[in-house]
Amino acid sequence: MKSSWFLGLIIIVFYGIAHWESTNYQDIFVPGNVDVALFGIIFYALGHLFHEKDWFNKERVGRLLLLGSIAYLTVFFYLYDEGMIRFGLDLKHRQYYFFGTVILTPLSCTIIIAFLSKLLSRIKVIRKVLGFLGQATMEIMYLHVMTGVIISDFIPLPWYLFSLTGLLFPSAWYYILLKLKELKNVRSHSLTAGHFK
């Protein structure tokens, strides 16, 4: 779609449908939770927008985003702690409460984490670790719970070790796959070179 305004309108409509479903039909079964994409696409679109505009690398805009996020979260957590507002975000169970905070709160947290990551990335070791974990996110996302549950069957784990195993084992699996792929490419290249030789 060439029109960004029209695309934005579609995303807003998708969010309206997702919010309506969350409010009225939370227990409905949709294969593969495909309907969650109606809500999740908002964050995909925001990520694309931030990347396209390069806001994190523009000093003035970046500072405004960071200060705005800190100010918003300060007010949000105060009001939440006082019981003046409620909040719920659970993609698995289609819970998106409430209309504005359900987008602004995770977005603000993401902005702060992004800036902290950028700051920490100045340290070489941390940059390498964070870069590797960033590449392994799909493996971590899909394997972290299963890994923790399997290990917990043999060794009872407190929550922090459960989280750690859910990070380390999928990352190790990703590393093995990466090395196997590199080995396959090297072998393929050697065979091709030998053939032409």
N, C-alpha and C. Protein backbone atom coordinates (compact mmCIF):
# COMPACT_ATOMS: atom_id res chain seq x y z
N MET A 1 0.85 -1.20 0.00
CA MET A 1 0.00 0.00 0.00
C MET A 1 0.88 1.24 0.00
N LYS A 2 0.63 2.12 -0.94
CA LYS A 2 1.45 3.32 -1.05
C LYS A 2 1.06 4.39 -0.04
N SER A 3 -0.21 4.41 0.34
CA SER A 3 -0.68 5.44 1.26
C SER A 3 -0.45 5.01 2.71
N SER A 4 0.45 5.73 3.39
CA SER A 4 0.72 5.41 4.80
C SER A 4 -0.47 5.75 5.68
N TRP A 5 -1.25 6.77 5.28
CA TRP A 5 -2.44 7.13 6.05
C TRP A 5 -3.48 6.01 6.00
N PHE A 6 -3.67 5.45 4.82
CA PHE A 6 -4.63 4.36 4.67
C PHE A 6 -4.17 3.12 5.43
N LEU A 7 -2.87 2.86 5.38
CA LEU A 7 -2.31 1.73 6.12
C LEU A 7 -2.50 1.93 7.62
N GLY A 8 -2.25 3.17 8.09
CA GLY A 8 -2.46 3.49 9.50
C GLY A 8 -3.91 3.29 9.91
N LEU A 9 -4.84 3.67 9.04
CA LEU A 9 -6.27 3.51 9.30
C LEU A 9 -6.63 2.03 9.44
N ILE A 10 -6.06 1.20 8.57
CA ILE A 10 -6.31 -0.25 8.64
C ILE A 10 -5.81 -0.82 9.97
N ILE A 11 -4.63 -0.40 10.40
CA ILE A 11 -4.07 -0.87 11.66
C ILE A 11 -4.95 -0.45 12.84
N ILE A 12 -5.49 0.79 12.79
CA ILE A 12 -6.40 1.27 13.84
C ILE A 12 -7.67 0.43 13.86
N VAL A 13 -8.19 0.09 12.68
CA VAL A 13 -9.40 -0.75 12.58
C VAL A 13 -9.10 -2.13 13.16
N PHE A 14 -7.93 -2.68 12.83
CA PHE A 14 -7.53 -3.99 13.37
C PHE A 14 -7.51 -3.94 14.91
N TYR A 15 -6.95 -2.85 15.44
CA TYR A 15 -6.89 -2.71 16.90
C TYR A 15 -8.29 -2.63 17.49
N GLY A 16 -9.19 -1.90 16.82
CA GLY A 16 -10.57 -1.80 17.29
C GLY A 16 -11.23 -3.17 17.34
N ILE A 17 -10.99 -3.99 16.32
CA ILE A 17 -11.55 -5.35 16.29
C ILE A 17 -10.94 -6.19 17.42
N ALA A 18 -9.62 -6.08 17.60
CA ALA A 18 -8.94 -6.84 18.66
C ALA A 18 -9.48 -6.46 20.04
N HIS A 19 -9.68 -5.16 20.26
CA HIS A 19 -10.20 -4.68 21.54
C HIS A 19 -11.64 -5.16 21.76
N TRP A 20 -12.43 -5.12 20.70
CA TRP A 20 -13.82 -5.59 20.76
C TRP A 20 -13.88 -7.08 21.08
N GLU A 21 -13.00 -7.85 20.42
CA GLU A 21 -12.95 -9.30 20.68
C GLU A 21 -12.52 -9.57 22.12
N SER A 22 -11.50 -8.83 22.59
CA SER A 22 -11.00 -9.00 23.94
C SER A 22 -12.07 -8.71 24.98
N THR A 23 -12.92 -7.73 24.69
CA THR A 23 -13.97 -7.35 25.63
C THR A 23 -15.16 -8.31 25.60
N ASN A 24 -15.51 -8.80 24.42
CA ASN A 24 -16.75 -9.57 24.26
C ASN A 24 -16.59 -11.06 24.01
N TYR A 25 -15.45 -11.45 23.40
CA TYR A 25 -15.31 -12.86 23.01
C TYR A 25 -13.93 -13.39 23.40
N GLN A 26 -13.58 -13.24 24.66
CA GLN A 26 -12.25 -13.61 25.13
C GLN A 26 -11.99 -15.12 25.04
N ASP A 27 -13.03 -15.93 25.20
CA ASP A 27 -12.87 -17.38 25.24
C ASP A 27 -13.06 -18.05 23.89
N ILE A 28 -13.21 -17.28 22.83
CA ILE A 28 -13.40 -17.86 21.50
C ILE A 28 -12.13 -18.57 21.05
N PHE A 29 -12.29 -19.69 20.33
CA PHE A 29 -11.12 -20.43 19.85
C PHE A 29 -10.83 -20.07 18.39
N VAL A 30 -9.63 -19.60 18.16
CA VAL A 30 -9.16 -19.32 16.80
C VAL A 30 -7.88 -20.11 16.60
N PRO A 31 -7.81 -20.99 15.59
CA PRO A 31 -6.61 -21.82 15.38
C PRO A 31 -5.33 -21.00 15.34
N GLY A 32 -4.36 -21.44 16.14
CA GLY A 32 -3.06 -20.78 16.15
C GLY A 32 -3.06 -19.38 16.72
N ASN A 33 -4.16 -18.99 17.38
CA ASN A 33 -4.28 -17.63 17.92
C ASN A 33 -3.98 -16.56 16.86
N VAL A 34 -4.42 -16.84 15.63
CA VAL A 34 -4.14 -15.94 14.51
C VAL A 34 -4.72 -14.54 14.77
N ASP A 35 -5.83 -14.49 15.50
CA ASP A 35 -6.48 -13.20 15.77
C ASP A 35 -5.62 -12.27 16.62
N VAL A 36 -4.65 -12.83 17.33
CA VAL A 36 -3.75 -12.00 18.16
C VAL A 36 -2.95 -11.05 17.27
N ALA A 37 -2.78 -11.43 16.00
CA ALA A 37 -2.06 -10.57 15.05
C ALA A 37 -2.76 -9.23 14.86
N LEU A 38 -4.08 -9.20 15.06
CA LEU A 38 -4.83 -7.95 14.94
C LEU A 38 -4.31 -6.91 15.94
N PHE A 39 -3.88 -7.39 17.10
CA PHE A 39 -3.32 -6.49 18.11
C PHE A 39 -1.80 -6.34 17.93
N GLY A 40 -1.13 -7.46 17.70
CA GLY A 40 0.33 -7.46 17.62
C GLY A 40 0.89 -6.63 16.48
N ILE A 41 0.11 -6.49 15.40
CA ILE A 41 0.60 -5.75 14.22
C ILE A 41 0.87 -4.28 14.55
N ILE A 42 0.23 -3.77 15.59
CA ILE A 42 0.47 -2.38 16.01
C ILE A 42 1.94 -2.20 16.37
N PHE A 43 2.49 -3.13 17.15
CA PHE A 43 3.88 -3.02 17.59
C PHE A 43 4.85 -3.29 16.45
N TYR A 44 4.45 -4.17 15.54
CA TYR A 44 5.25 -4.40 14.33
C TYR A 44 5.33 -3.10 13.52
N ALA A 45 4.17 -2.44 13.38
CA ALA A 45 4.11 -1.19 12.61
C ALA A 45 4.92 -0.08 13.30
N LEU A 46 4.83 -0.01 14.62
CA LEU A 46 5.58 1.00 15.36
C LEU A 46 7.09 0.76 15.23
N GLY A 47 7.48 -0.51 15.30
CA GLY A 47 8.90 -0.85 15.12
C GLY A 47 9.40 -0.44 13.75
N HIS A 48 8.57 -0.69 12.73
CA HIS A 48 8.92 -0.30 11.36
C HIS A 48 9.04 1.23 11.25
N LEU A 49 8.09 1.94 11.88
CA LEU A 49 8.09 3.40 11.83
C LEU A 49 9.33 3.98 12.50
N PHE A 50 9.67 3.46 13.70
CA PHE A 50 10.85 3.93 14.43
C PHE A 50 12.12 3.68 13.61
N HIS A 51 12.16 2.53 12.96
CA HIS A 51 13.34 2.20 12.14
C HIS A 51 13.42 3.10 10.91
N GLU A 52 12.29 3.30 10.26
CA GLU A 52 12.24 4.10 9.04
C GLU A 52 12.62 5.55 9.31
N LYS A 53 12.12 6.09 10.42
CA LYS A 53 12.40 7.48 10.78
C LYS A 53 13.75 7.65 11.49
N ASP A 54 14.32 6.51 11.92
CA ASP A 54 15.62 6.51 12.61
C ASP A 54 15.60 7.40 13.86
N TRP A 55 14.50 7.35 14.59
CA TRP A 55 14.32 8.24 15.74
C TRP A 55 15.34 8.01 16.86
N PHE A 56 15.75 6.77 17.05
CA PHE A 56 16.69 6.49 18.15
C PHE A 56 18.06 7.13 17.92
N ASN A 57 18.40 7.36 16.66
CA ASN A 57 19.71 7.94 16.36
C ASN A 57 19.67 9.45 16.15
N LYS A 58 18.48 10.04 16.28
CA LYS A 58 18.37 11.49 16.20
C LYS A 58 18.34 12.04 17.63
N GLU A 59 19.37 12.76 17.98
CA GLU A 59 19.59 13.13 19.39
C GLU A 59 18.39 13.83 20.02
N ARG A 60 17.85 14.85 19.35
CA ARG A 60 16.76 15.62 19.94
C ARG A 60 15.48 14.78 20.07
N VAL A 61 15.13 14.08 19.01
CA VAL A 61 13.93 13.23 19.02
C VAL A 61 14.11 12.11 20.04
N GLY A 62 15.31 11.51 20.04
CA GLY A 62 15.59 10.42 20.98
C GLY A 62 15.45 10.86 22.42
N ARG A 63 15.96 12.07 22.72
CA ARG A 63 15.86 12.59 24.09
C ARG A 63 14.41 12.82 24.49
N LEU A 64 13.63 13.35 23.57
CA LEU A 64 12.20 13.58 23.84
C LEU A 64 11.46 12.27 24.07
N LEU A 65 11.78 11.26 23.26
CA LEU A 65 11.15 9.94 23.42
C LEU A 65 11.49 9.33 24.78
N LEU A 66 12.75 9.43 25.16
CA LEU A 66 13.19 8.86 26.43
C LEU A 66 12.56 9.57 27.61
N LEU A 67 12.61 10.91 27.61
CA LEU A 67 12.04 11.70 28.72
C LEU A 67 10.52 11.52 28.78
N GLY A 68 9.87 11.49 27.61
CA GLY A 68 8.43 11.28 27.57
C GLY A 68 8.04 9.92 28.12
N SER A 69 8.83 8.89 27.80
CA SER A 69 8.56 7.53 28.28
C SER A 69 8.72 7.44 29.79
N ILE A 70 9.79 8.06 30.31
CA ILE A 70 10.03 8.05 31.76
C ILE A 70 8.90 8.78 32.49
N ALA A 71 8.51 9.95 31.96
CA ALA A 71 7.43 10.73 32.58
C ALA A 71 6.12 9.95 32.55
N TYR A 72 5.81 9.34 31.41
CA TYR A 72 4.56 8.58 31.29
C TYR A 72 4.53 7.41 32.28
N LEU A 73 5.64 6.64 32.34
CA LEU A 73 5.67 5.46 33.22
C LEU A 73 5.63 5.85 34.69
N THR A 74 6.23 6.98 35.03
CA THR A 74 6.18 7.47 36.41
C THR A 74 4.74 7.72 36.83
N VAL A 75 4.01 8.44 35.98
CA VAL A 75 2.60 8.73 36.25
C VAL A 75 1.78 7.45 36.23
N PHE A 76 2.03 6.60 35.24
CA PHE A 76 1.27 5.36 35.10
C PHE A 76 1.41 4.47 36.33
N PHE A 77 2.66 4.23 36.77
CA PHE A 77 2.87 3.33 37.91
C PHE A 77 2.32 3.92 39.20
N TYR A 78 2.36 5.24 39.33
CA TYR A 78 1.77 5.88 40.52
C TYR A 78 0.25 5.65 40.53
N LEU A 79 -0.40 5.92 39.41
CA LEU A 79 -1.85 5.75 39.32
C LEU A 79 -2.25 4.29 39.47
N TYR A 80 -1.43 3.41 38.91
CA TYR A 80 -1.72 1.97 39.02
C TYR A 80 -1.58 1.50 40.47
N ASP A 81 -0.53 1.97 41.13
CA ASP A 81 -0.29 1.60 42.54
C ASP A 81 -1.39 2.12 43.45
N GLU A 82 -1.94 3.28 43.10
CA GLU A 82 -3.02 3.88 43.89
C GLU A 82 -4.39 3.27 43.54
N GLY A 83 -4.41 2.39 42.56
CA GLY A 83 -5.66 1.75 42.16
C GLY A 83 -6.57 2.65 41.35
N MET A 84 -6.00 3.72 40.79
CA MET A 84 -6.81 4.67 40.02
C MET A 84 -6.99 4.23 38.57
N ILE A 85 -6.08 3.38 38.08
CA ILE A 85 -6.24 2.80 36.74
C ILE A 85 -5.92 1.31 36.81
N ARG A 86 -6.44 0.58 35.84
CA ARG A 86 -6.13 -0.85 35.74
C ARG A 86 -5.39 -1.10 34.43
N PHE A 87 -4.69 -2.23 34.41
CA PHE A 87 -3.92 -2.55 33.22
C PHE A 87 -3.84 -4.06 33.06
N GLY A 88 -4.00 -4.53 31.83
CA GLY A 88 -3.85 -5.96 31.57
C GLY A 88 -3.43 -6.19 30.14
N LEU A 89 -2.34 -6.93 29.97
CA LEU A 89 -1.88 -7.26 28.62
C LEU A 89 -1.41 -8.71 28.63
N ASP A 90 -2.19 -9.57 28.01
CA ASP A 90 -1.88 -10.99 27.94
C ASP A 90 -2.29 -11.48 26.56
N LEU A 91 -1.32 -11.56 25.65
CA LEU A 91 -1.63 -11.93 24.27
C LEU A 91 -2.18 -13.35 24.18
N LYS A 92 -1.68 -14.25 25.03
CA LYS A 92 -2.12 -15.64 24.98
C LYS A 92 -3.61 -15.78 25.22
N HIS A 93 -4.13 -14.95 26.14
CA HIS A 93 -5.55 -15.03 26.50
C HIS A 93 -6.36 -13.85 25.96
N ARG A 94 -5.78 -13.11 25.00
CA ARG A 94 -6.46 -11.99 24.34
C ARG A 94 -6.98 -10.95 25.34
N GLN A 95 -6.14 -10.58 26.27
CA GLN A 95 -6.54 -9.56 27.25
C GLN A 95 -5.77 -8.28 26.95
N TYR A 96 -6.50 -7.28 26.47
CA TYR A 96 -5.88 -6.00 26.12
C TYR A 96 -6.60 -4.88 26.87
N TYR A 97 -6.21 -4.65 28.12
CA TYR A 97 -6.86 -3.62 28.93
C TYR A 97 -5.82 -2.56 29.30
N PHE A 98 -6.03 -1.34 29.14
CA PHE A 98 -7.21 -0.68 28.62
C PHE A 98 -6.82 0.14 27.42
N PHE A 99 -7.74 0.80 26.77
CA PHE A 99 -7.61 1.26 25.39
C PHE A 99 -6.29 1.95 25.07
N GLY A 100 -5.88 2.94 25.84
CA GLY A 100 -4.65 3.67 25.51
C GLY A 100 -3.42 3.10 26.19
N THR A 101 -3.54 2.76 27.47
CA THR A 101 -2.38 2.30 28.24
C THR A 101 -1.80 1.00 27.72
N VAL A 102 -2.63 0.19 27.09
CA VAL A 102 -2.18 -1.12 26.61
C VAL A 102 -1.18 -0.98 25.45
N ILE A 103 -1.15 0.19 24.84
CA ILE A 103 -0.15 0.46 23.80
C ILE A 103 0.98 1.32 24.36
N LEU A 104 0.62 2.39 25.07
CA LEU A 104 1.62 3.33 25.57
C LEU A 104 2.57 2.72 26.59
N THR A 105 2.06 1.85 27.45
CA THR A 105 2.90 1.27 28.52
C THR A 105 4.00 0.36 27.96
N PRO A 106 3.66 -0.65 27.15
CA PRO A 106 4.75 -1.47 26.59
C PRO A 106 5.66 -0.69 25.65
N LEU A 107 5.09 0.28 24.94
CA LEU A 107 5.91 1.10 24.03
C LEU A 107 6.93 1.91 24.83
N SER A 108 6.49 2.52 25.92
CA SER A 108 7.40 3.31 26.76
C SER A 108 8.49 2.44 27.38
N CYS A 109 8.11 1.24 27.83
CA CYS A 109 9.10 0.31 28.39
C CYS A 109 10.11 -0.10 27.32
N THR A 110 9.63 -0.34 26.11
CA THR A 110 10.51 -0.73 25.01
C THR A 110 11.49 0.38 24.66
N ILE A 111 11.01 1.61 24.66
CA ILE A 111 11.88 2.76 24.35
C ILE A 111 13.00 2.87 25.38
N ILE A 112 12.65 2.72 26.66
CA ILE A 112 13.66 2.81 27.73
C ILE A 112 14.67 1.67 27.61
N ILE A 113 14.18 0.45 27.37
CA ILE A 113 15.07 -0.70 27.21
C ILE A 113 15.99 -0.51 26.00
N ALA A 114 15.44 0.04 24.92
CA ALA A 114 16.25 0.29 23.71
C ALA A 114 17.39 1.26 24.01
N PHE A 115 17.09 2.32 24.76
CA PHE A 115 18.13 3.30 25.08
C PHE A 115 19.16 2.72 26.05
N LEU A 116 18.70 1.90 27.00
CA LEU A 116 19.63 1.25 27.93
C LEU A 116 20.54 0.28 27.17
N SER A 117 19.95 -0.44 26.21
CA SER A 117 20.74 -1.38 25.39
C SER A 117 21.79 -0.63 24.58
N LYS A 118 21.38 0.51 24.05
CA LYS A 118 22.31 1.33 23.26
C LYS A 118 23.47 1.83 24.12
N LEU A 119 23.14 2.19 25.36
CA LEU A 119 24.15 2.66 26.30
C LEU A 119 25.10 1.53 26.67
N LEU A 120 24.52 0.35 26.98
CA LEU A 120 25.32 -0.81 27.38
C LEU A 120 26.16 -1.35 26.23
N SER A 121 25.68 -1.13 25.00
CA SER A 121 26.38 -1.67 23.83
C SER A 121 27.74 -1.02 23.61
N ARG A 122 28.01 0.05 24.34
CA ARG A 122 29.33 0.69 24.24
C ARG A 122 30.41 -0.19 24.88
N ILE A 123 29.96 -1.11 25.75
CA ILE A 123 30.89 -2.07 26.36
C ILE A 123 30.95 -3.30 25.45
N LYS A 124 32.13 -3.63 24.96
CA LYS A 124 32.29 -4.64 23.92
C LYS A 124 31.68 -5.99 24.27
N VAL A 125 31.95 -6.49 25.47
CA VAL A 125 31.45 -7.81 25.88
C VAL A 125 29.93 -7.82 25.91
N ILE A 126 29.36 -6.78 26.51
CA ILE A 126 27.90 -6.70 26.59
C ILE A 126 27.29 -6.57 25.20
N ARG A 127 27.96 -5.80 24.33
CA ARG A 127 27.48 -5.63 22.95
C ARG A 127 27.41 -6.97 22.23
N LYS A 128 28.44 -7.80 22.42
CA LYS A 128 28.47 -9.11 21.78
C LYS A 128 27.37 -10.02 22.32
N VAL A 129 27.19 -10.02 23.64
CA VAL A 129 26.17 -10.87 24.27
C VAL A 129 24.77 -10.44 23.83
N LEU A 130 24.51 -9.14 23.91
CA LEU A 130 23.19 -8.63 23.52
C LEU A 130 22.92 -8.85 22.04
N GLY A 131 23.97 -8.69 21.21
CA GLY A 131 23.82 -8.91 19.78
C GLY A 131 23.48 -10.36 19.48
N PHE A 132 24.14 -11.28 20.19
CA PHE A 132 23.87 -12.71 19.99
C PHE A 132 22.46 -13.06 20.44
N LEU A 133 22.06 -12.57 21.62
CA LEU A 133 20.70 -12.84 22.13
C LEU A 133 19.64 -12.24 21.21
N GLY A 134 19.97 -11.08 20.62
CA GLY A 134 19.05 -10.46 19.68
C GLY A 134 18.83 -11.32 18.45
N GLN A 135 19.88 -12.01 18.01
CA GLN A 135 19.76 -12.90 16.86
C GLN A 135 19.01 -14.19 17.22
N ALA A 136 19.06 -14.58 18.49
CA ALA A 136 18.46 -15.85 18.93
C ALA A 136 17.04 -15.68 19.48
N THR A 137 16.43 -14.53 19.26
CA THR A 137 15.13 -14.26 19.91
C THR A 137 14.04 -15.25 19.54
N MET A 138 14.00 -15.69 18.27
CA MET A 138 12.95 -16.63 17.86
C MET A 138 13.09 -17.96 18.59
N GLU A 139 14.32 -18.47 18.68
CA GLU A 139 14.56 -19.73 19.39
C GLU A 139 14.21 -19.59 20.87
N ILE A 140 14.59 -18.45 21.45
CA ILE A 140 14.30 -18.22 22.87
C ILE A 140 12.79 -18.15 23.10
N MET A 141 12.10 -17.44 22.21
CA MET A 141 10.66 -17.26 22.37
C MET A 141 9.92 -18.60 22.33
N TYR A 142 10.29 -19.46 21.37
CA TYR A 142 9.54 -20.70 21.18
C TYR A 142 9.99 -21.84 22.09
N LEU A 143 11.20 -21.76 22.64
CA LEU A 143 11.71 -22.89 23.42
C LEU A 143 11.85 -22.62 24.92
N HIS A 144 11.71 -21.35 25.35
CA HIS A 144 12.04 -21.04 26.75
C HIS A 144 11.14 -21.75 27.75
N VAL A 145 9.83 -21.78 27.51
CA VAL A 145 8.91 -22.41 28.46
C VAL A 145 9.13 -23.93 28.47
N MET A 146 9.20 -24.52 27.28
CA MET A 146 9.38 -25.97 27.18
C MET A 146 10.66 -26.42 27.88
N THR A 147 11.74 -25.65 27.68
CA THR A 147 13.02 -25.98 28.31
C THR A 147 12.90 -25.96 29.83
N GLY A 148 12.30 -24.88 30.36
CA GLY A 148 12.14 -24.76 31.80
C GLY A 148 11.28 -25.86 32.39
N VAL A 149 10.20 -26.21 31.68
CA VAL A 149 9.27 -27.25 32.16
C VAL A 149 9.97 -28.61 32.19
N ILE A 150 10.71 -28.94 31.13
CA ILE A 150 11.40 -30.23 31.06
C ILE A 150 12.42 -30.36 32.18
N ILE A 151 13.23 -29.32 32.38
CA ILE A 151 14.25 -29.37 33.44
C ILE A 151 13.60 -29.39 34.81
N SER A 152 12.48 -28.67 34.98
CA SER A 152 11.78 -28.64 36.27
C SER A 152 11.23 -30.01 36.65
N ASP A 153 11.00 -30.87 35.67
CA ASP A 153 10.53 -32.23 35.96
C ASP A 153 11.59 -33.04 36.71
N PHE A 154 12.85 -32.68 36.49
CA PHE A 154 13.96 -33.41 37.14
C PHE A 154 14.52 -32.63 38.33
N ILE A 155 14.61 -31.33 38.17
CA ILE A 155 15.16 -30.49 39.24
C ILE A 155 14.20 -29.32 39.48
N PRO A 156 13.62 -29.22 40.69
CA PRO A 156 12.75 -28.07 40.97
C PRO A 156 13.55 -26.76 40.86
N LEU A 157 13.02 -25.82 40.09
CA LEU A 157 13.74 -24.58 39.86
C LEU A 157 12.98 -23.38 40.41
N PRO A 158 13.66 -22.48 41.13
CA PRO A 158 13.02 -21.20 41.48
C PRO A 158 12.84 -20.38 40.21
N TRP A 159 12.01 -19.36 40.26
CA TRP A 159 11.64 -18.61 39.06
C TRP A 159 12.84 -18.05 38.31
N TYR A 160 13.87 -17.57 39.05
CA TYR A 160 15.00 -16.93 38.37
C TYR A 160 15.85 -17.96 37.61
N LEU A 161 15.98 -19.19 38.16
CA LEU A 161 16.70 -20.23 37.44
C LEU A 161 15.87 -20.77 36.28
N PHE A 162 14.56 -20.79 36.47
CA PHE A 162 13.64 -21.18 35.39
C PHE A 162 13.83 -20.23 34.20
N SER A 163 13.91 -18.94 34.52
CA SER A 163 14.11 -17.92 33.48
C SER A 163 15.48 -18.05 32.83
N LEU A 164 16.48 -18.32 33.65
CA LEU A 164 17.85 -18.43 33.15
C LEU A 164 18.01 -19.63 32.21
N THR A 165 17.44 -20.78 32.60
CA THR A 165 17.53 -21.96 31.73
C THR A 165 16.76 -21.73 30.43
N GLY A 166 15.64 -20.99 30.55
CA GLY A 166 14.85 -20.67 29.37
C GLY A 166 15.55 -19.71 28.43
N LEU A 167 16.62 -19.09 28.92
CA LEU A 167 17.43 -18.19 28.09
C LEU A 167 18.66 -18.91 27.55
N LEU A 168 19.33 -19.67 28.41
CA LEU A 168 20.60 -20.29 28.05
C LEU A 168 20.48 -21.45 27.07
N PHE A 169 19.55 -22.38 27.35
CA PHE A 169 19.45 -23.58 26.50
C PHE A 169 18.98 -23.27 25.08
N PRO A 170 17.94 -22.44 24.90
CA PRO A 170 17.58 -22.07 23.52
C PRO A 170 18.69 -21.31 22.80
N SER A 171 19.45 -20.49 23.56
CA SER A 171 20.58 -19.76 22.96
C SER A 171 21.66 -20.72 22.51
N ALA A 172 21.91 -21.76 23.33
CA ALA A 172 22.90 -22.78 22.97
C ALA A 172 22.44 -23.55 21.73
N TRP A 173 21.15 -23.83 21.65
CA TRP A 173 20.58 -24.51 20.49
C TRP A 173 20.77 -23.66 19.22
N TYR A 174 20.52 -22.36 19.36
CA TYR A 174 20.71 -21.44 18.23
C TYR A 174 22.18 -21.43 17.79
N TYR A 175 23.09 -21.42 18.75
CA TYR A 175 24.52 -21.40 18.45
C TYR A 175 24.94 -22.65 17.68
N ILE A 176 24.42 -23.81 18.10
CA ILE A 176 24.72 -25.07 17.41
C ILE A 176 24.21 -25.03 15.97
N LEU A 177 22.96 -24.55 15.80
CA LEU A 177 22.39 -24.44 14.45
C LEU A 177 23.21 -23.50 13.57
N LEU A 178 23.68 -22.43 14.18
CA LEU A 178 24.49 -21.45 13.46
C LEU A 178 25.79 -22.07 12.97
N LYS A 179 26.44 -22.84 13.84
CA LYS A 179 27.71 -23.49 13.50
C LYS A 179 27.51 -24.56 12.44
N LEU A 180 26.40 -25.30 12.54
CA LEU A 180 26.09 -26.33 11.53
C LEU A 180 25.87 -25.70 10.17
N LYS A 181 25.19 -24.55 10.17
CA LYS A 181 24.95 -23.84 8.91
C LYS A 181 26.25 -23.34 8.31
N GLU A 182 27.13 -22.80 9.16
CA GLU A 182 28.44 -22.32 8.68
C GLU A 182 29.25 -23.48 8.11
N LEU A 183 29.20 -24.64 8.79
CA LEU A 183 29.92 -25.82 8.35
C LEU A 183 29.40 -26.30 7.00
N LYS A 184 28.08 -26.27 6.86
CA LYS A 184 27.45 -26.69 5.61
C LYS A 184 27.85 -25.75 4.47
N ASN A 185 27.89 -24.43 4.74
CA ASN A 185 28.28 -23.45 3.72
C ASN A 185 29.73 -23.62 3.30
N VAL A 186 30.59 -23.89 4.30
CA VAL A 186 32.01 -24.10 4.01
C VAL A 186 32.19 -25.33 3.15
N ARG A 187 31.48 -26.42 3.51
CA ARG A 187 31.59 -27.67 2.75
C ARG A 187 31.06 -27.48 1.33
N SER A 188 29.93 -26.78 1.23
CA SER A 188 29.33 -26.53 -0.09
C SER A 188 30.28 -25.71 -0.96
N HIS A 189 30.89 -24.71 -0.35
CA HIS A 189 31.85 -23.84 -1.07
C HIS A 189 33.07 -24.65 -1.53
N SER A 190 33.54 -25.55 -0.65
CA SER A 190 34.73 -26.37 -0.98
C SER A 190 34.41 -27.33 -2.13
N LEU A 191 33.23 -27.92 -2.08
CA LEU A 191 32.83 -28.84 -3.15
C LEU A 191 32.71 -28.12 -4.48
N THR A 192 32.10 -26.90 -4.44
CA THR A 192 31.94 -26.11 -5.65
C THR A 192 33.30 -25.69 -6.21
N ALA A 193 34.18 -25.26 -5.33
CA ALA A 193 35.52 -24.84 -5.74
C ALA A 193 36.28 -26.02 -6.34
N GLY A 194 36.15 -27.20 -5.74
CA GLY A 194 36.81 -28.40 -6.22
C GLY A 194 36.30 -28.82 -7.58
N HIS A 195 34.97 -28.64 -7.78
CA HIS A 195 34.34 -29.01 -9.04
C HIS A 195 34.88 -28.13 -10.18
N PHE A 196 34.98 -26.84 -9.94
CA PHE A 196 35.45 -25.91 -10.98
C PHE A 196 36.95 -26.04 -11.20
N LYS A 197 37.63 -26.47 -10.13
CA LYS A 197 39.08 -26.64 -10.25
C LYS A 197 39.40 -27.79 -11.21
